[in-house]
Amino acid sequence: MKYVSLLISHLPKQISGRDEPIKQLKTAVSFLQTQDVILMTSAGQTHWDCILTAALNYNIPTHLVIVKPMTISEVSEQFLCGFVKYDIVESQEIRDKFICVNSDFLYPLWLRSGGHLSQIISEFSLQLDSRFDCSSYRFRNSGLKYLLSGVSDEISILPNNYLWHWTRSKHGMWPNETRRNYCNDILNSDSPPRDAISTLKRILIERNIHASKLHIAANTPVTAFTANHPYKSELMFTWRKDCHQMNFEPYGIGIDIEYMIAKGTKKLEYGKYPNWDTMQADNRWKNENEWRYRGNFLLDNECLKKMIVVVRKHQEVEQIQKVFNGKIVVYEKNQ
């Protein structure tokens, strides 16, 4: 059997099935399904994960080349599959060269000019089949950055005795999600699949806000809330250029503060010994009026009865009504 590889350079953080490289990927694996070939590919980065997922969906036999410290058992667990053969190498550079040089046919899908894969192809004068090549494609603005047109009147009359958890569009997988599930959503979506409203819906379906340990003392997972009234939270919904994402977005839930305190939620204290509910004195973040709950926050029946859900636009209310039958309010003022 002939060995072939599909080649995609590093992809932007927000992609979907509408993007031409993903369309060509699906066309290419459909073609390879009719050929007597083994696909040499990899895993561990979104571009390779998408190729592997598409190949597995079309039952194409695969030879996997992975980079330490990733293991074959980890890949098998993430993609729920086995492989014809596998190799483990020391670096991404060695992996890419190994795949290109040891394939009988290379099918470029989307390669950056002067990028690592392009350099390997040029260095070894490798033969290409360019029938699926769309390297001239330029990715669209993801729409992650936006300005609000104003705050609606229904936001201004929300109660003052609530804590609020705001979410945002996410780069990459959700917590506890497999790579194959994430890539399948990319392959079959019309817009980046991990946007803020999708994350909010996931919270409501699972009845669980997943904790984060990023920048928390001793890497203790916590769930963060703010006591700031939503009407005064517009300044939090700003673009963070350093992270290429919004700081927060007007998608979230509000829960009665007395209930939260009874559950063990604590107001963040500043200037004390670092712990999960403290932070060193830093005026940059004090305006967020943060509260924290240690671990994941589960939305039990009592919580759901008192909970308020916020979405950005009126046309999004119906989506949330399918998974939540309580109070839903719209944040953005009609233009």
C-alpha atoms as a PDB file:
ATOM      1  CA  MET A   1       0.000   0.000   0.000  1.00  0.00           C
ATOM      2  CA  LYS A   2       1.110   3.530  -0.725  1.00  0.00           C
ATOM      3  CA  TYR A   3       1.736   6.003   2.092  1.00  0.00           C
ATOM      4  CA  VAL A   4       0.199   9.448   1.692  1.00  0.00           C
ATOM      5  CA  SER A   5      -0.019  12.544   3.871  1.00  0.00           C
ATOM      6  CA  LEU A   6      -2.293  15.571   3.985  1.00  0.00           C
ATOM      7  CA  LEU A   7      -0.494  18.751   4.921  1.00  0.00           C
ATOM      8  CA  ILE A   8      -1.909  21.785   6.738  1.00  0.00           C
ATOM      9  CA  SER A   9       0.134  24.513   8.400  1.00  0.00           C
ATOM     10  CA  HIS A  10      -0.683  25.842  11.865  1.00  0.00           C
ATOM     11  CA  LEU A  11      -4.283  27.057  11.792  1.00  0.00           C
ATOM     12  CA  PRO A  12      -5.738  30.196  13.422  1.00  0.00           C
ATOM     13  CA  LYS A  13      -7.238  29.717  16.874  1.00  0.00           C
ATOM     14  CA  GLN A  14     -10.800  30.212  15.604  1.00  0.00           C
ATOM     15  CA  ILE A  15     -11.779  28.117  12.570  1.00  0.00           C
ATOM     16  CA  SER A  16     -14.880  26.340  11.306  1.00  0.00           C
ATOM     17  CA  GLY A  17     -16.211  24.089   8.569  1.00  0.00           C
ATOM     18  CA  ARG A  18     -16.878  27.180   6.439  1.00  0.00           C
ATOM     19  CA  ASP A  19     -13.156  27.808   6.013  1.00  0.00           C
ATOM     20  CA  GLU A  20     -11.791  26.527   2.726  1.00  0.00           C
ATOM     21  CA  PRO A  21      -8.924  24.411   4.169  1.00  0.00           C
ATOM     22  CA  ILE A  22     -11.468  22.443   6.230  1.00  0.00           C
ATOM     23  CA  LYS A  23     -13.714  21.996   3.182  1.00  0.00           C
ATOM     24  CA  GLN A  24     -10.739  20.723   1.178  1.00  0.00           C
ATOM     25  CA  LEU A  25      -9.758  18.401   4.020  1.00  0.00           C
ATOM     26  CA  LYS A  26     -13.160  16.721   3.871  1.00  0.00           C
ATOM     27  CA  THR A  27     -12.980  16.485   0.079  1.00  0.00           C
ATOM     28  CA  ALA A  28      -9.482  14.985   0.278  1.00  0.00           C
ATOM     29  CA  VAL A  29     -10.348  12.254   2.789  1.00  0.00           C
ATOM     30  CA  SER A  30     -13.426  11.377   0.731  1.00  0.00           C
ATOM     31  CA  PHE A  31     -11.097  10.864  -2.233  1.00  0.00           C
ATOM     32  CA  LEU A  32      -8.523   8.878  -0.223  1.00  0.00           C
ATOM     33  CA  GLN A  33     -11.277   6.545   0.978  1.00  0.00           C
ATOM     34  CA  THR A  34     -11.482   5.259  -2.620  1.00  0.00           C
ATOM     35  CA  GLN A  35      -7.707   4.651  -2.819  1.00  0.00           C
ATOM     36  CA  ASP A  36      -5.602   1.794  -1.482  1.00  0.00           C
ATOM     37  CA  VAL A  37      -3.499   3.932   0.863  1.00  0.00           C
ATOM     38  CA  ILE A  38      -2.332   4.406   4.423  1.00  0.00           C
ATOM     39  CA  LEU A  39      -2.413   7.964   5.738  1.00  0.00           C
ATOM     40  CA  MET A  40       0.678   9.057   7.645  1.00  0.00           C
ATOM     41  CA  THR A  41      -0.341  11.763  10.073  1.00  0.00           C
ATOM     42  CA  SER A  42      -0.019  13.007  13.650  1.00  0.00           C
ATOM     43  CA  ALA A  43      -1.917  14.337  16.676  1.00  0.00           C
ATOM     44  CA  GLY A  44      -1.504  16.870  19.458  1.00  0.00           C
ATOM     45  CA  GLN A  45      -2.072  20.117  17.540  1.00  0.00           C
ATOM     46  CA  THR A  46      -5.311  21.339  15.997  1.00  0.00           C
ATOM     47  CA  HIS A  47      -4.187  21.033  12.361  1.00  0.00           C
ATOM     48  CA  TRP A  48      -3.012  17.442  12.806  1.00  0.00           C
ATOM     49  CA  ASP A  49      -5.961  16.588  15.054  1.00  0.00           C
ATOM     50  CA  CYS A  50      -8.418  17.726  12.356  1.00  0.00           C
ATOM     51  CA  ILE A  51      -6.667  15.624   9.710  1.00  0.00           C
ATOM     52  CA  LEU A  52      -6.674  12.551  11.952  1.00  0.00           C
ATOM     53  CA  THR A  53     -10.328  13.039  12.912  1.00  0.00           C
ATOM     54  CA  ALA A  54     -11.426  13.391   9.279  1.00  0.00           C
ATOM     55  CA  ALA A  55      -9.446  10.296   8.291  1.00  0.00           C
ATOM     56  CA  LEU A  56     -10.936   8.220  11.105  1.00  0.00           C
ATOM     57  CA  ASN A  57     -14.437   9.380  10.167  1.00  0.00           C
ATOM     58  CA  TYR A  58     -13.832   7.948   6.683  1.00  0.00           C
ATOM     59  CA  ASN A  59     -12.225   4.721   7.995  1.00  0.00           C
ATOM     60  CA  ILE A  60      -8.879   5.445   6.347  1.00  0.00           C
ATOM     61  CA  PRO A  61      -6.054   3.352   7.886  1.00  0.00           C
ATOM     62  CA  THR A  62      -3.476   5.539   9.600  1.00  0.00           C
ATOM     63  CA  HIS A  63       0.201   5.450  10.510  1.00  0.00           C
ATOM     64  CA  LEU A  64       0.633   7.810  13.436  1.00  0.00           C
ATOM     65  CA  VAL A  65       3.780   9.837  14.151  1.00  0.00           C
ATOM     66  CA  ILE A  66       3.618  11.586  17.527  1.00  0.00           C
ATOM     67  CA  VAL A  67       5.956  13.736  19.568  1.00  0.00           C
ATOM     68  CA  LYS A  68       7.079  12.987  23.126  1.00  0.00           C
ATOM     69  CA  PRO A  69       5.745  13.217  25.806  1.00  0.00           C
ATOM     70  CA  MET A  70       2.465  12.276  24.069  1.00  0.00           C
ATOM     71  CA  THR A  71       1.841   8.518  24.154  1.00  0.00           C
ATOM     72  CA  ILE A  72      -0.042   6.202  21.834  1.00  0.00           C
ATOM     73  CA  SER A  73      -2.445   5.286  24.663  1.00  0.00           C
ATOM     74  CA  GLU A  74      -3.259   8.972  25.139  1.00  0.00           C
ATOM     75  CA  VAL A  75      -4.030   9.368  21.426  1.00  0.00           C
ATOM     76  CA  SER A  76      -6.104   6.180  21.391  1.00  0.00           C
ATOM     77  CA  GLU A  77      -8.137   7.481  24.339  1.00  0.00           C
ATOM     78  CA  GLN A  78      -8.619  10.930  22.799  1.00  0.00           C
ATOM     79  CA  PHE A  79      -9.660   9.589  19.380  1.00  0.00           C
ATOM     80  CA  LEU A  80     -11.247   6.238  20.340  1.00  0.00           C
ATOM     81  CA  CYS A  81      -9.361   4.251  17.727  1.00  0.00           C
ATOM     82  CA  GLY A  82      -6.380   2.069  16.874  1.00  0.00           C
ATOM     83  CA  PHE A  83      -3.629   2.541  14.304  1.00  0.00           C
ATOM     84  CA  VAL A  84      -1.926   0.419  11.653  1.00  0.00           C
ATOM     85  CA  LYS A  85       1.472   1.534  12.907  1.00  0.00           C
ATOM     86  CA  TYR A  86       2.996   4.316  14.957  1.00  0.00           C
ATOM     87  CA  ASP A  87       6.305   6.058  15.616  1.00  0.00           C
ATOM     88  CA  ILE A  88       7.299   8.361  18.458  1.00  0.00           C
ATOM     89  CA  VAL A  89       9.854  11.104  17.827  1.00  0.00           C
ATOM     90  CA  GLU A  90      11.626  13.757  19.880  1.00  0.00           C
ATOM     91  CA  SER A  91      10.354  17.005  18.348  1.00  0.00           C
ATOM     92  CA  GLN A  92       7.741  18.569  16.087  1.00  0.00           C
ATOM     93  CA  GLU A  93      10.439  19.399  13.549  1.00  0.00           C
ATOM     94  CA  ILE A  94      11.553  15.756  13.334  1.00  0.00           C
ATOM     95  CA  ARG A  95       7.924  14.626  13.093  1.00  0.00           C
ATOM     96  CA  ASP A  96       7.076  16.933  10.189  1.00  0.00           C
ATOM     97  CA  LYS A  97      10.189  15.906   8.274  1.00  0.00           C
ATOM     98  CA  PHE A  98       9.528  12.200   8.984  1.00  0.00           C
ATOM     99  CA  ILE A  99       5.967  12.412   7.656  1.00  0.00           C
ATOM    100  CA  CYS A 100       6.904  14.330   4.516  1.00  0.00           C
ATOM    101  CA  VAL A 101       9.988  12.303   3.560  1.00  0.00           C
ATOM    102  CA  ASN A 102       8.406   8.894   4.222  1.00  0.00           C
ATOM    103  CA  SER A 103       5.194   9.494   2.269  1.00  0.00           C
ATOM    104  CA  ASP A 104       4.860   8.385  -1.342  1.00  0.00           C
ATOM    105  CA  PHE A 105       2.438  11.216  -2.114  1.00  0.00           C
ATOM    106  CA  LEU A 106       1.939  14.589  -0.427  1.00  0.00           C
ATOM    107  CA  TYR A 107      -1.361  16.440  -0.693  1.00  0.00           C
ATOM    108  CA  PRO A 108      -0.968  20.060   0.485  1.00  0.00           C
ATOM    109  CA  LEU A 109      -4.242  21.592   1.644  1.00  0.00           C
ATOM    110  CA  TRP A 110      -3.166  24.918   3.106  1.00  0.00           C
ATOM    111  CA  LEU A 111       0.516  25.793   3.552  1.00  0.00           C
ATOM    112  CA  ARG A 112       2.015  29.049   4.742  1.00  0.00           C
ATOM    113  CA  SER A 113       4.508  30.455   2.271  1.00  0.00           C
ATOM    114  CA  GLY A 114       7.957  30.046   3.813  1.00  0.00           C
ATOM    115  CA  GLY A 115       6.503  27.988   6.661  1.00  0.00           C
ATOM    116  CA  HIS A 116       8.125  24.897   8.155  1.00  0.00           C
ATOM    117  CA  LEU A 117       6.302  22.382   5.942  1.00  0.00           C
ATOM    118  CA  SER A 118       6.975  24.444   2.817  1.00  0.00           C
ATOM    119  CA  GLN A 119      10.684  24.548   3.689  1.00  0.00           C
ATOM    120  CA  ILE A 120      10.817  20.755   4.097  1.00  0.00           C
ATOM    121  CA  ILE A 121       9.131  20.240   0.722  1.00  0.00           C
ATOM    122  CA  SER A 122      11.542  22.649  -0.949  1.00  0.00           C
ATOM    123  CA  GLU A 123      14.637  21.207   0.761  1.00  0.00           C
ATOM    124  CA  PHE A 124      13.935  17.629  -0.306  1.00  0.00           C
ATOM    125  CA  SER A 125      12.322  18.461  -3.672  1.00  0.00           C
ATOM    126  CA  LEU A 126       9.289  16.384  -2.745  1.00  0.00           C
ATOM    127  CA  GLN A 127       6.546  15.716  -5.263  1.00  0.00           C
ATOM    128  CA  LEU A 128       3.135  17.157  -4.582  1.00  0.00           C
ATOM    129  CA  ASP A 129      -0.376  16.430  -5.747  1.00  0.00           C
ATOM    130  CA  SER A 130      -1.955  19.879  -5.564  1.00  0.00           C
ATOM    131  CA  ARG A 131      -5.526  19.049  -6.542  1.00  0.00           C
ATOM    132  CA  PHE A 132      -6.809  20.036  -3.063  1.00  0.00           C
ATOM    133  CA  ASP A 133      -4.418  22.938  -2.468  1.00  0.00           C
ATOM    134  CA  CYS A 134      -6.055  26.187  -1.296  1.00  0.00           C
ATOM    135  CA  SER A 135      -2.971  27.879   0.153  1.00  0.00           C
ATOM    136  CA  SER A 136      -4.086  31.213  -1.314  1.00  0.00           C
ATOM    137  CA  TYR A 137      -7.060  31.221   1.080  1.00  0.00           C
ATOM    138  CA  ARG A 138      -7.074  33.960   3.701  1.00  0.00           C
ATOM    139  CA  PHE A 139      -8.969  33.353   6.923  1.00  0.00           C
ATOM    140  CA  ARG A 140     -11.739  35.797   7.749  1.00  0.00           C
ATOM    141  CA  ASN A 141     -11.947  37.937  10.840  1.00  0.00           C
ATOM    142  CA  SER A 142     -13.278  35.567  13.509  1.00  0.00           C
ATOM    143  CA  GLY A 143     -15.749  38.125  14.870  1.00  0.00           C
ATOM    144  CA  LEU A 144     -14.376  37.635  18.383  1.00  0.00           C
ATOM    145  CA  LYS A 145     -13.712  41.349  18.775  1.00  0.00           C
ATOM    146  CA  TYR A 146     -16.750  43.613  18.966  1.00  0.00           C
ATOM    147  CA  LEU A 147     -18.200  46.666  20.671  1.00  0.00           C
ATOM    148  CA  LEU A 148     -21.601  46.719  22.357  1.00  0.00           C
ATOM    149  CA  SER A 149     -24.220  49.188  21.131  1.00  0.00           C
ATOM    150  CA  GLY A 150     -25.269  49.951  24.708  1.00  0.00           C
ATOM    151  CA  VAL A 151     -26.923  48.291  27.712  1.00  0.00           C
ATOM    152  CA  SER A 152     -30.608  47.343  27.642  1.00  0.00           C
ATOM    153  CA  ASP A 153     -33.156  48.675  30.132  1.00  0.00           C
ATOM    154  CA  GLU A 154     -33.916  45.185  31.454  1.00  0.00           C
ATOM    155  CA  ILE A 155     -30.287  44.874  32.582  1.00  0.00           C
ATOM    156  CA  SER A 156     -30.514  48.073  34.628  1.00  0.00           C
ATOM    157  CA  ILE A 157     -33.372  46.730  36.791  1.00  0.00           C
ATOM    158  CA  LEU A 158     -31.712  43.412  37.685  1.00  0.00           C
ATOM    159  CA  PRO A 159     -31.308  42.816  41.447  1.00  0.00           C
ATOM    160  CA  ASN A 160     -28.240  44.064  43.312  1.00  0.00           C
ATOM    161  CA  ASN A 161     -27.893  41.038  45.604  1.00  0.00           C
ATOM    162  CA  TYR A 162     -26.554  38.611  42.968  1.00  0.00           C
ATOM    163  CA  LEU A 163     -23.127  37.289  41.988  1.00  0.00           C
ATOM    164  CA  TRP A 164     -22.422  36.920  38.275  1.00  0.00           C
ATOM    165  CA  HIS A 165     -20.309  34.512  36.252  1.00  0.00           C
ATOM    166  CA  TRP A 166     -19.461  35.750  32.747  1.00  0.00           C
ATOM    167  CA  THR A 167     -18.073  33.535  30.027  1.00  0.00           C
ATOM    168  CA  ARG A 168     -16.430  34.148  26.640  1.00  0.00           C
ATOM    169  CA  SER A 169     -15.368  32.469  23.420  1.00  0.00           C
ATOM    170  CA  LYS A 170     -12.743  29.821  24.039  1.00  0.00           C
ATOM    171  CA  HIS A 171      -9.587  28.926  22.146  1.00  0.00           C
ATOM    172  CA  GLY A 172      -9.454  25.147  21.881  1.00  0.00           C
ATOM    173  CA  MET A 173     -11.226  22.391  23.754  1.00  0.00           C
ATOM    174  CA  TRP A 174     -13.581  22.656  26.674  1.00  0.00           C
ATOM    175  CA  PRO A 175     -12.514  21.018  29.968  1.00  0.00           C
ATOM    176  CA  ASN A 176     -12.718  17.202  29.845  1.00  0.00           C
ATOM    177  CA  GLU A 177     -13.458  17.237  26.100  1.00  0.00           C
ATOM    178  CA  THR A 178     -11.721  14.804  23.739  1.00  0.00           C
ATOM    179  CA  ARG A 179      -9.691  16.040  20.798  1.00  0.00           C
ATOM    180  CA  ARG A 180     -11.842  14.068  18.392  1.00  0.00           C
ATOM    181  CA  ASN A 181     -15.075  15.627  19.667  1.00  0.00           C
ATOM    182  CA  TYR A 182     -13.601  19.119  19.392  1.00  0.00           C
ATOM    183  CA  CYS A 183     -12.342  18.530  15.851  1.00  0.00           C
ATOM    184  CA  ASN A 184     -15.633  16.996  14.752  1.00  0.00           C
ATOM    185  CA  ASP A 185     -17.357  20.185  15.850  1.00  0.00           C
ATOM    186  CA  ILE A 186     -14.874  22.213  13.796  1.00  0.00           C
ATOM    187  CA  LEU A 187     -15.410  20.008  10.721  1.00  0.00           C
ATOM    188  CA  ASN A 188     -19.197  20.280  10.932  1.00  0.00           C
ATOM    189  CA  SER A 189     -19.718  23.873  12.073  1.00  0.00           C
ATOM    190  CA  ASP A 190     -20.627  27.052  10.194  1.00  0.00           C
ATOM    191  CA  SER A 191     -18.827  29.282  12.709  1.00  0.00           C
ATOM    192  CA  PRO A 192     -16.083  28.754  15.319  1.00  0.00           C
ATOM    193  CA  PRO A 193     -17.731  26.164  17.582  1.00  0.00           C
ATOM    194  CA  ARG A 194     -16.480  27.371  20.967  1.00  0.00           C
ATOM    195  CA  ASP A 195     -18.097  30.809  21.019  1.00  0.00           C
ATOM    196  CA  ALA A 196     -19.480  32.377  24.196  1.00  0.00           C
ATOM    197  CA  ILE A 197     -23.103  31.326  23.747  1.00  0.00           C
ATOM    198  CA  SER A 198     -22.045  27.715  23.088  1.00  0.00           C
ATOM    199  CA  THR A 199     -20.047  27.767  26.305  1.00  0.00           C
ATOM    200  CA  LEU A 200     -23.050  29.190  28.184  1.00  0.00           C
ATOM    201  CA  LYS A 201     -25.313  26.479  26.759  1.00  0.00           C
ATOM    202  CA  ARG A 202     -22.821  23.818  27.819  1.00  0.00           C
ATOM    203  CA  ILE A 203     -22.850  25.164  31.378  1.00  0.00           C
ATOM    204  CA  LEU A 204     -26.659  24.987  31.464  1.00  0.00           C
ATOM    205  CA  ILE A 205     -26.841  21.515  29.914  1.00  0.00           C
ATOM    206  CA  GLU A 206     -24.209  20.075  32.254  1.00  0.00           C
ATOM    207  CA  ARG A 207     -25.463  22.153  35.226  1.00  0.00           C
ATOM    208  CA  ASN A 208     -21.821  22.764  36.007  1.00  0.00           C
ATOM    209  CA  ILE A 209     -19.403  25.695  35.789  1.00  0.00           C
ATOM    210  CA  HIS A 210     -15.956  24.210  35.325  1.00  0.00           C
ATOM    211  CA  ALA A 211     -13.291  25.639  37.618  1.00  0.00           C
ATOM    212  CA  SER A 212      -9.997  27.077  36.407  1.00  0.00           C
ATOM    213  CA  LYS A 213      -6.621  27.058  38.150  1.00  0.00           C
ATOM    214  CA  LEU A 214      -4.981  29.642  35.885  1.00  0.00           C
ATOM    215  CA  HIS A 215      -3.110  32.238  37.986  1.00  0.00           C
ATOM    216  CA  ILE A 216      -4.514  30.723  41.216  1.00  0.00           C
ATOM    217  CA  ALA A 217      -2.194  30.042  44.184  1.00  0.00           C
ATOM    218  CA  ALA A 218      -1.008  26.415  44.361  1.00  0.00           C
ATOM    219  CA  ASN A 219      -2.911  25.759  41.094  1.00  0.00           C
ATOM    220  CA  THR A 220      -6.135  25.323  43.067  1.00  0.00           C
ATOM    221  CA  PRO A 221      -9.149  25.154  40.709  1.00  0.00           C
ATOM    222  CA  VAL A 222     -11.731  27.836  41.471  1.00  0.00           C
ATOM    223  CA  THR A 223     -14.911  29.203  39.900  1.00  0.00           C
ATOM    224  CA  ALA A 224     -14.903  33.005  39.690  1.00  0.00           C
ATOM    225  CA  PHE A 225     -17.828  35.399  40.087  1.00  0.00           C
ATOM    226  CA  THR A 226     -18.200  39.163  40.309  1.00  0.00           C
ATOM    227  CA  ALA A 227     -20.417  41.204  42.619  1.00  0.00           C
ATOM    228  CA  ASN A 228     -20.486  44.073  40.117  1.00  0.00           C
ATOM    229  CA  HIS A 229     -23.983  44.765  38.834  1.00  0.00           C
ATOM    230  CA  PRO A 230     -24.322  43.768  35.136  1.00  0.00           C
ATOM    231  CA  TYR A 231     -25.226  47.347  34.232  1.00  0.00           C
ATOM    232  CA  LYS A 232     -21.783  48.411  35.475  1.00  0.00           C
ATOM    233  CA  SER A 233     -19.945  45.466  33.928  1.00  0.00           C
ATOM    234  CA  GLU A 234     -19.741  46.809  30.380  1.00  0.00           C
ATOM    235  CA  LEU A 235     -16.124  47.863  30.978  1.00  0.00           C
ATOM    236  CA  MET A 236     -15.239  44.200  31.557  1.00  0.00           C
ATOM    237  CA  PHE A 237     -16.439  43.288  28.070  1.00  0.00           C
ATOM    238  CA  THR A 238     -13.329  44.538  26.307  1.00  0.00           C
ATOM    239  CA  TRP A 239     -10.808  43.094  23.889  1.00  0.00           C
ATOM    240  CA  ARG A 240      -7.522  41.721  25.270  1.00  0.00           C
ATOM    241  CA  LYS A 241      -4.983  42.136  22.532  1.00  0.00           C
ATOM    242  CA  ASP A 242      -2.385  40.086  24.404  1.00  0.00           C
ATOM    243  CA  CYS A 243      -4.716  37.050  24.512  1.00  0.00           C
ATOM    244  CA  HIS A 244      -6.516  37.614  21.180  1.00  0.00           C
ATOM    245  CA  GLN A 245      -9.873  37.325  22.920  1.00  0.00           C
ATOM    246  CA  MET A 246     -12.414  39.290  24.898  1.00  0.00           C
ATOM    247  CA  ASN A 247     -11.761  39.684  28.620  1.00  0.00           C
ATOM    248  CA  PHE A 248     -15.380  38.615  29.210  1.00  0.00           C
ATOM    249  CA  GLU A 249     -18.546  38.705  27.107  1.00  0.00           C
ATOM    250  CA  PRO A 250     -22.186  39.497  27.990  1.00  0.00           C
ATOM    251  CA  TYR A 251     -23.122  35.829  28.346  1.00  0.00           C
ATOM    252  CA  GLY A 252     -23.485  34.539  31.866  1.00  0.00           C
ATOM    253  CA  ILE A 253     -25.522  33.595  34.883  1.00  0.00           C
ATOM    254  CA  GLY A 254     -26.482  35.393  38.089  1.00  0.00           C
ATOM    255  CA  ILE A 255     -27.122  33.636  41.402  1.00  0.00           C
ATOM    256  CA  ASP A 256     -28.491  35.001  44.676  1.00  0.00           C
ATOM    257  CA  ILE A 257     -25.576  36.023  46.914  1.00  0.00           C
ATOM    258  CA  GLU A 258     -27.039  34.504  50.118  1.00  0.00           C
ATOM    259  CA  TYR A 259     -27.283  31.130  48.392  1.00  0.00           C
ATOM    260  CA  MET A 260     -23.699  31.521  47.149  1.00  0.00           C
ATOM    261  CA  ILE A 261     -22.335  32.369  50.597  1.00  0.00           C
ATOM    262  CA  ALA A 262     -24.149  29.384  52.096  1.00  0.00           C
ATOM    263  CA  LYS A 263     -22.422  27.186  49.492  1.00  0.00           C
ATOM    264  CA  GLY A 264     -18.978  28.478  50.533  1.00  0.00           C
ATOM    265  CA  THR A 265     -18.346  31.225  47.987  1.00  0.00           C
ATOM    266  CA  LYS A 266     -15.928  33.837  49.385  1.00  0.00           C
ATOM    267  CA  LYS A 267     -15.096  37.411  48.542  1.00  0.00           C
ATOM    268  CA  LEU A 268     -11.543  37.714  47.269  1.00  0.00           C
ATOM    269  CA  GLU A 269      -9.200  39.324  49.777  1.00  0.00           C
ATOM    270  CA  TYR A 270      -6.105  41.284  48.740  1.00  0.00           C
ATOM    271  CA  GLY A 271      -2.652  41.591  50.252  1.00  0.00           C
ATOM    272  CA  LYS A 272      -2.728  38.382  52.296  1.00  0.00           C
ATOM    273  CA  TYR A 273      -0.774  35.127  52.099  1.00  0.00           C
ATOM    274  CA  PRO A 274      -1.506  33.598  48.659  1.00  0.00           C
ATOM    275  CA  ASN A 275      -4.386  31.149  48.749  1.00  0.00           C
ATOM    276  CA  TRP A 276      -7.345  30.195  46.566  1.00  0.00           C
ATOM    277  CA  ASP A 277      -9.468  33.019  48.019  1.00  0.00           C
ATOM    278  CA  THR A 278      -6.747  35.684  48.217  1.00  0.00           C
ATOM    279  CA  MET A 279      -4.589  37.690  45.842  1.00  0.00           C
ATOM    280  CA  GLN A 280      -1.537  39.871  46.268  1.00  0.00           C
ATOM    281  CA  ALA A 281      -2.378  43.568  46.276  1.00  0.00           C
ATOM    282  CA  ASP A 282      -2.937  44.538  42.649  1.00  0.00           C
ATOM    283  CA  ASN A 283      -5.122  47.494  41.804  1.00  0.00           C
ATOM    284  CA  ARG A 284      -5.517  46.306  38.190  1.00  0.00           C
ATOM    285  CA  TRP A 285      -8.068  43.670  39.194  1.00  0.00           C
ATOM    286  CA  LYS A 286      -9.820  45.168  42.230  1.00  0.00           C
ATOM    287  CA  ASN A 287     -12.469  46.722  39.992  1.00  0.00           C
ATOM    288  CA  GLU A 288     -13.703  43.228  39.142  1.00  0.00           C
ATOM    289  CA  ASN A 289     -14.982  42.813  42.729  1.00  0.00           C
ATOM    290  CA  GLU A 290     -14.247  39.113  42.517  1.00  0.00           C
ATOM    291  CA  TRP A 291     -15.669  36.242  44.567  1.00  0.00           C
ATOM    292  CA  ARG A 292     -14.471  32.644  44.339  1.00  0.00           C
ATOM    293  CA  TYR A 293     -15.822  29.175  44.920  1.00  0.00           C
ATOM    294  CA  ARG A 294     -13.336  26.342  45.360  1.00  0.00           C
ATOM    295  CA  GLY A 295     -13.762  23.718  42.606  1.00  0.00           C
ATOM    296  CA  ASN A 296     -16.512  23.292  40.024  1.00  0.00           C
ATOM    297  CA  PHE A 297     -19.787  25.038  40.846  1.00  0.00           C
ATOM    298  CA  LEU A 298     -22.763  22.715  40.402  1.00  0.00           C
ATOM    299  CA  LEU A 299     -26.140  24.205  39.492  1.00  0.00           C
ATOM    300  CA  ASP A 300     -28.564  22.222  41.633  1.00  0.00           C
ATOM    301  CA  ASN A 301     -32.356  22.535  41.492  1.00  0.00           C
ATOM    302  CA  GLU A 302     -32.476  25.196  44.189  1.00  0.00           C
ATOM    303  CA  CYS A 303     -29.911  27.260  42.331  1.00  0.00           C
ATOM    304  CA  LEU A 304     -31.745  26.938  39.003  1.00  0.00           C
ATOM    305  CA  LYS A 305     -34.954  28.319  40.541  1.00  0.00           C
ATOM    306  CA  LYS A 306     -33.229  31.558  41.554  1.00  0.00           C
ATOM    307  CA  MET A 307     -30.843  31.852  38.602  1.00  0.00           C
ATOM    308  CA  ILE A 308     -30.873  34.559  35.928  1.00  0.00           C
ATOM    309  CA  VAL A 309     -29.288  33.948  32.525  1.00  0.00           C
ATOM    310  CA  VAL A 310     -27.931  36.774  30.352  1.00  0.00           C
ATOM    311  CA  VAL A 311     -27.358  36.658  26.589  1.00  0.00           C
ATOM    312  CA  ARG A 312     -26.080  39.401  24.337  1.00  0.00           C
ATOM    313  CA  LYS A 313     -28.808  39.528  21.634  1.00  0.00           C
ATOM    314  CA  HIS A 314     -32.594  39.090  21.449  1.00  0.00           C
ATOM    315  CA  GLN A 315     -32.298  36.431  18.727  1.00  0.00           C
ATOM    316  CA  GLU A 316     -30.254  34.251  21.105  1.00  0.00           C
ATOM    317  CA  VAL A 317     -32.984  33.925  23.743  1.00  0.00           C
ATOM    318  CA  GLU A 318     -34.695  31.069  21.901  1.00  0.00           C
ATOM    319  CA  GLN A 319     -31.469  29.030  21.892  1.00  0.00           C
ATOM    320  CA  ILE A 320     -31.189  29.281  25.666  1.00  0.00           C
ATOM    321  CA  GLN A 321     -34.894  28.523  26.222  1.00  0.00           C
ATOM    322  CA  LYS A 322     -34.234  25.056  24.797  1.00  0.00           C
ATOM    323  CA  VAL A 323     -31.947  24.238  27.724  1.00  0.00           C
ATOM    324  CA  PHE A 324     -33.188  26.557  30.497  1.00  0.00           C
ATOM    325  CA  ASN A 325     -36.760  27.459  31.456  1.00  0.00           C
ATOM    326  CA  GLY A 326     -36.003  30.233  33.937  1.00  0.00           C
ATOM    327  CA  LYS A 327     -35.472  33.984  33.613  1.00  0.00           C
ATOM    328  CA  ILE A 328     -33.444  35.114  30.573  1.00  0.00           C
ATOM    329  CA  VAL A 329     -32.533  38.751  29.895  1.00  0.00           C
ATOM    330  CA  VAL A 330     -30.807  40.458  26.957  1.00  0.00           C
ATOM    331  CA  TYR A 331     -27.746  42.568  27.647  1.00  0.00           C
ATOM    332  CA  GLU A 332     -27.272  44.657  24.508  1.00  0.00           C
ATOM    333  CA  LYS A 333     -29.520  47.569  23.699  1.00  0.00           C
ATOM    334  CA  ASN A 334     -31.320  47.316  20.365  1.00  0.00           C
ATOM    335  CA  GLN A 335     -29.623  49.317  17.655  1.00  0.00           C
END
